[in-house]
C-alpha atoms as a PDB file:
ATOM      1  CA  MET A   1     -30.918 -14.822  35.577  1.00  0.00           C
ATOM      2  CA  LYS A   2     -27.737 -16.299  37.059  1.00  0.00           C
ATOM      3  CA  HIS A   3     -28.182 -17.958  40.447  1.00  0.00           C
ATOM      4  CA  ASP A   4     -25.409 -17.969  43.043  1.00  0.00           C
ATOM      5  CA  VAL A   5     -24.714 -21.532  44.165  1.00  0.00           C
ATOM      6  CA  SER A   6     -23.267 -20.444  47.528  1.00  0.00           C
ATOM      7  CA  THR A   7     -26.430 -18.472  48.358  1.00  0.00           C
ATOM      8  CA  LEU A   8     -28.634 -21.421  47.440  1.00  0.00           C
ATOM      9  CA  ARG A   9     -26.428 -23.798  49.460  1.00  0.00           C
ATOM     10  CA  ARG A  10     -26.641 -21.478  52.505  1.00  0.00           C
ATOM     11  CA  ARG A  11     -30.435 -21.290  52.209  1.00  0.00           C
ATOM     12  CA  VAL A  12     -30.674 -25.101  52.038  1.00  0.00           C
ATOM     13  CA  HIS A  13     -28.284 -25.481  54.989  1.00  0.00           C
ATOM     14  CA  ALA A  14     -30.385 -23.023  57.030  1.00  0.00           C
ATOM     15  CA  LEU A  15     -33.334 -25.440  56.758  1.00  0.00           C
ATOM     16  CA  GLY A  16     -31.540 -27.913  59.011  1.00  0.00           C
ATOM     17  CA  PRO A  17     -30.587 -31.555  58.483  1.00  0.00           C
ATOM     18  CA  ARG A  18     -31.709 -32.982  55.139  1.00  0.00           C
ATOM     19  CA  HIS A  19     -33.529 -36.303  55.227  1.00  0.00           C
ATOM     20  CA  ARG A  20     -36.156 -38.140  53.226  1.00  0.00           C
ATOM     21  CA  GLY A  21     -39.358 -36.099  53.279  1.00  0.00           C
ATOM     22  CA  ALA A  22     -37.666 -32.885  54.482  1.00  0.00           C
ATOM     23  CA  ARG A  23     -39.645 -30.000  53.009  1.00  0.00           C
ATOM     24  CA  VAL A  24     -38.163 -27.173  50.989  1.00  0.00           C
ATOM     25  CA  PRO A  25     -40.152 -23.904  50.804  1.00  0.00           C
ATOM     26  CA  PRO A  26     -41.679 -23.213  47.361  1.00  0.00           C
ATOM     27  CA  ALA A  27     -39.615 -20.041  46.799  1.00  0.00           C
ATOM     28  CA  LEU A  28     -36.330 -21.859  47.463  1.00  0.00           C
ATOM     29  CA  ARG A  29     -37.495 -24.838  45.411  1.00  0.00           C
ATOM     30  CA  ALA A  30     -38.228 -22.496  42.458  1.00  0.00           C
ATOM     31  CA  ALA A  31     -34.793 -20.868  42.770  1.00  0.00           C
ATOM     32  CA  ILE A  32     -33.100 -24.284  42.902  1.00  0.00           C
ATOM     33  CA  ALA A  33     -35.133 -25.451  39.891  1.00  0.00           C
ATOM     34  CA  ALA A  34     -34.108 -22.396  37.863  1.00  0.00           C
ATOM     35  CA  TYR A  35     -30.451 -22.914  38.825  1.00  0.00           C
ATOM     36  CA  ALA A  36     -30.688 -26.622  37.980  1.00  0.00           C
ATOM     37  CA  ARG A  37     -32.194 -25.907  34.555  1.00  0.00           C
ATOM     38  CA  GLU A  38     -29.338 -23.490  33.789  1.00  0.00           C
ATOM     39  CA  GLU A  39     -26.741 -26.022  34.907  1.00  0.00           C
ATOM     40  CA  ARG A  40     -28.427 -28.928  33.082  1.00  0.00           C
ATOM     41  CA  ALA A  41     -28.430 -26.841  29.886  1.00  0.00           C
ATOM     42  CA  GLY A  42     -24.670 -26.510  30.378  1.00  0.00           C
ATOM     43  CA  GLY A  43     -24.272 -30.284  30.683  1.00  0.00           C
ATOM     44  CA  ALA A  44     -24.148 -30.756  34.472  1.00  0.00           C
ATOM     45  CA  SER A  45     -25.694 -33.916  35.919  1.00  0.00           C
ATOM     46  CA  CYS A  46     -28.479 -33.853  38.498  1.00  0.00           C
ATOM     47  CA  GLY A  47     -26.149 -35.668  40.888  1.00  0.00           C
ATOM     48  CA  ALA A  48     -23.444 -33.008  40.589  1.00  0.00           C
ATOM     49  CA  ILE A  49     -25.964 -30.201  41.064  1.00  0.00           C
ATOM     50  CA  ALA A  50     -27.484 -31.959  44.077  1.00  0.00           C
ATOM     51  CA  GLU A  51     -24.071 -32.438  45.667  1.00  0.00           C
ATOM     52  CA  ARG A  52     -23.271 -28.725  45.257  1.00  0.00           C
ATOM     53  CA  LEU A  53     -26.550 -27.693  46.888  1.00  0.00           C
ATOM     54  CA  GLY A  54     -26.917 -30.395  49.544  1.00  0.00           C
ATOM     55  CA  VAL A  55     -30.206 -31.860  48.332  1.00  0.00           C
ATOM     56  CA  CYS A  56     -31.240 -35.181  46.802  1.00  0.00           C
ATOM     57  CA  SER A  57     -30.537 -35.665  43.081  1.00  0.00           C
ATOM     58  CA  GLU A  58     -34.064 -37.012  42.558  1.00  0.00           C
ATOM     59  CA  SER A  59     -35.435 -33.724  43.926  1.00  0.00           C
ATOM     60  CA  ILE A  60     -33.237 -31.789  41.492  1.00  0.00           C
ATOM     61  CA  ARG A  61     -34.462 -33.924  38.586  1.00  0.00           C
ATOM     62  CA  ARG A  62     -38.113 -33.505  39.588  1.00  0.00           C
ATOM     63  CA  TRP A  63     -37.940 -29.768  40.368  1.00  0.00           C
ATOM     64  CA  ALA A  64     -36.037 -28.934  37.168  1.00  0.00           C
ATOM     65  CA  ARG A  65     -38.882 -30.443  35.125  1.00  0.00           C
ATOM     66  CA  THR A  66     -41.430 -27.974  36.519  1.00  0.00           C
ATOM     67  CA  GLY A  67     -41.682 -24.208  36.358  1.00  0.00           C
ATOM     68  CA  PRO A  68     -41.603 -21.544  33.646  1.00  0.00           C
ATOM     69  CA  GLY A  69     -40.837 -22.974  30.230  1.00  0.00           C
ATOM     70  CA  CYS A  70     -41.599 -26.540  31.268  1.00  0.00           C
ATOM     71  CA  ASP A  71     -44.804 -28.429  30.640  1.00  0.00           C
ATOM     72  CA  GLY A  72     -44.795 -29.825  34.192  1.00  0.00           C
ATOM     73  CA  MET A  73     -46.160 -33.197  33.131  1.00  0.00           C
ATOM     74  CA  ALA A  74     -45.148 -35.820  35.674  1.00  0.00           C
ATOM     75  CA  GLY A  75     -42.706 -38.378  34.392  1.00  0.00           C
ATOM     76  CA  GLY A  76     -42.251 -36.539  31.109  1.00  0.00           C
ATOM     77  CA  LEU A  77     -45.266 -38.321  29.684  1.00  0.00           C
ATOM     78  CA  VAL A  78     -46.755 -37.157  26.430  1.00  0.00           C
ATOM     79  CA  PRO A  79     -49.993 -38.229  24.759  1.00  0.00           C
ATOM     80  CA  VAL A  80     -49.606 -40.801  21.996  1.00  0.00           C
ATOM     81  CA  HIS A  81     -51.887 -42.308  19.394  1.00  0.00           C
ATOM     82  CA  VAL A  82     -51.312 -46.043  18.947  1.00  0.00           C
ATOM     83  CA  VAL A  83     -52.032 -47.505  15.533  1.00  0.00           C
ATOM     84  CA  SER A  84     -51.918 -51.239  15.028  1.00  0.00           C
ATOM     85  CA  GLU A  85     -50.816 -52.439  11.642  1.00  0.00           C
ATOM     86  CA  ALA A  86     -52.069 -55.666  10.174  1.00  0.00           C
ATOM     87  CA  ALA A  87     -49.288 -58.165   9.652  1.00  0.00           C
ATOM     88  CA  ARG A  88     -48.413 -58.210   5.976  1.00  0.00           C
ATOM     89  CA  THR A  89     -45.940 -61.048   6.212  1.00  0.00           C
ATOM     90  CA  LEU A  90     -46.041 -64.466   7.779  1.00  0.00           C
ATOM     91  CA  THR A  91     -43.936 -67.524   8.504  1.00  0.00           C
ATOM     92  CA  VAL A  92     -44.965 -70.821   6.910  1.00  0.00           C
ATOM     93  CA  TRP A  93     -43.543 -74.332   7.360  1.00  0.00           C
ATOM     94  CA  SER A  94     -44.358 -76.621   4.468  1.00  0.00           C
ATOM     95  CA  PRO A  95     -45.031 -80.367   4.964  1.00  0.00           C
ATOM     96  CA  SER A  96     -41.730 -81.096   3.234  1.00  0.00           C
ATOM     97  CA  GLY A  97     -39.806 -78.943   5.766  1.00  0.00           C
ATOM     98  CA  TYR A  98     -39.375 -75.636   3.948  1.00  0.00           C
ATOM     99  CA  ARG A  99     -39.622 -72.565   6.148  1.00  0.00           C
ATOM    100  CA  VAL A 100     -40.696 -69.374   4.392  1.00  0.00           C
ATOM    101  CA  GLU A 101     -40.562 -66.004   6.184  1.00  0.00           C
ATOM    102  CA  GLY A 102     -41.294 -62.412   5.276  1.00  0.00           C
ATOM    103  CA  LEU A 103     -43.463 -62.980   2.222  1.00  0.00           C
ATOM    104  CA  SER A 104     -47.103 -62.158   1.692  1.00  0.00           C
ATOM    105  CA  ILE A 105     -49.647 -64.978   1.482  1.00  0.00           C
ATOM    106  CA  GLU A 106     -49.723 -64.752  -2.311  1.00  0.00           C
ATOM    107  CA  GLU A 107     -45.924 -64.756  -2.610  1.00  0.00           C
ATOM    108  CA  THR A 108     -45.644 -67.718  -0.241  1.00  0.00           C
ATOM    109  CA  ALA A 109     -48.242 -69.713  -2.196  1.00  0.00           C
ATOM    110  CA  GLU A 110     -46.445 -68.997  -5.483  1.00  0.00           C
ATOM    111  CA  LEU A 111     -43.065 -69.987  -4.039  1.00  0.00           C
ATOM    112  CA  LEU A 112     -44.384 -73.271  -2.604  1.00  0.00           C
ATOM    113  CA  ARG A 113     -46.092 -74.102  -5.930  1.00  0.00           C
ATOM    114  CA  ARG A 114     -42.785 -73.633  -7.735  1.00  0.00           C
ATOM    115  CA  LEU A 115     -40.884 -75.734  -5.180  1.00  0.00           C
ATOM    116  CA  ALA A 116     -43.355 -78.637  -5.371  1.00  0.00           C
END
């Protein structure tokens, strides 16, 4: 559904002066979000969309993330599973001043035996 930017701009203007914390009715917010998603898909920035409509770019960014077809998770966070890997390499300084990096313990021991 194509949204008319001039209609949206008029509806925003009818709300009165825009300031931090100024509320936008849910129906208008949903229409702006749908318009913003269409424009963002076409490559428009949130700042450019916000300037066209007369609202804050942060509001555009936040509203465009919610609604039909969006997961609505705040901040775009997704669950992750963290796996820690045991270090397989190490750095060793020998008494004679050699520095060995990136080898396993066995490889380091063999190298230092050959250098001694």
